């Protein structure tokens, strides 16, 4: 096979991979994104090595063979295979840009739209019931505040984990999200109820501005990712809620905001999406819920009083 660029022939697969990772690091990607590419591509490189395939020889059929390998060897469903293919796709397009390989499109497998689970109103009422501050532990009270924060903002776990006291602007009623997936600082409004919750919380929490907002009761230091997940799990189970996904609060925030009439552009800004397309996926998924109570805000229903009247047509 003709190689597009003699440089690629001189480099090993792993050397090209290292170049790619340096490129991704230069883009200031989050630690999660870097780990994603490392994990997906190391498996792909291992498969290429087993099949004695150089990167310069990658074609569309090669990618299709790799997808079949993932399905058969690891029993992965299409959604999981696509996660691997997204990592491979970024790598392939990088190589194409450098003329290492011929151009072709990396096709993902067809999947059904994933159902985004949300908490019910009944569950939220249980979760939002304030504990008795004269009787509960700091951990339980802190967890209640975290639940309020998640429902009021829809932030991701990593953002919540890295919130510092100084990120709260009580004077202007805004929250500065310094740790986001896009690595860009995001400013969102602070609701009236959240303002009250956080104001009281800091009376108990104390601490200086540069300290993390949600700390460990034992050490007073930042909670770990696992520690925060465990705290939410414990809090939920204590309130007889068997589901305890932190990301589910993000889905719930989006669903309720959509039901309350938020527009796509504003929701995109609040959720920190880089593309309106991602936001529209939320709107399409939750569009069925918009039917609930539709008659109450439908303009036609507001202006007509003849719905219950019998209409008699004049005979010719």
Foldseek 3Di string as FASTA:
>chain_A
DDWQDVVQVVDFQVVLVVVVLVVVVVLVADPVVSVLLVVLVVVVSVVCVVVVHRLSPDDQVNLVVVLVCCCPVVVDDQVVSQSSLVSVQVSNVVCVVVRRYPDDHHDGDDDDQDQQAADDPVLVVLLQPQDDPVPDDLLLNLLNLVLVVCLQQLEDLVQLLQAFQLQQDLPVQWGWRCDHRSNDIAIDGHDPVNSVSLVVNCVVLPDDRGARSRADPVPNHGADSVRSQVSQCVNSVVSVHNDRDSNSSSLHNLLVCVLVPDDLVVNCRSHVPPDSVVSVSSCVSNVVVNVVPVLVPPPVNVPDDCPPPDDDDDDD
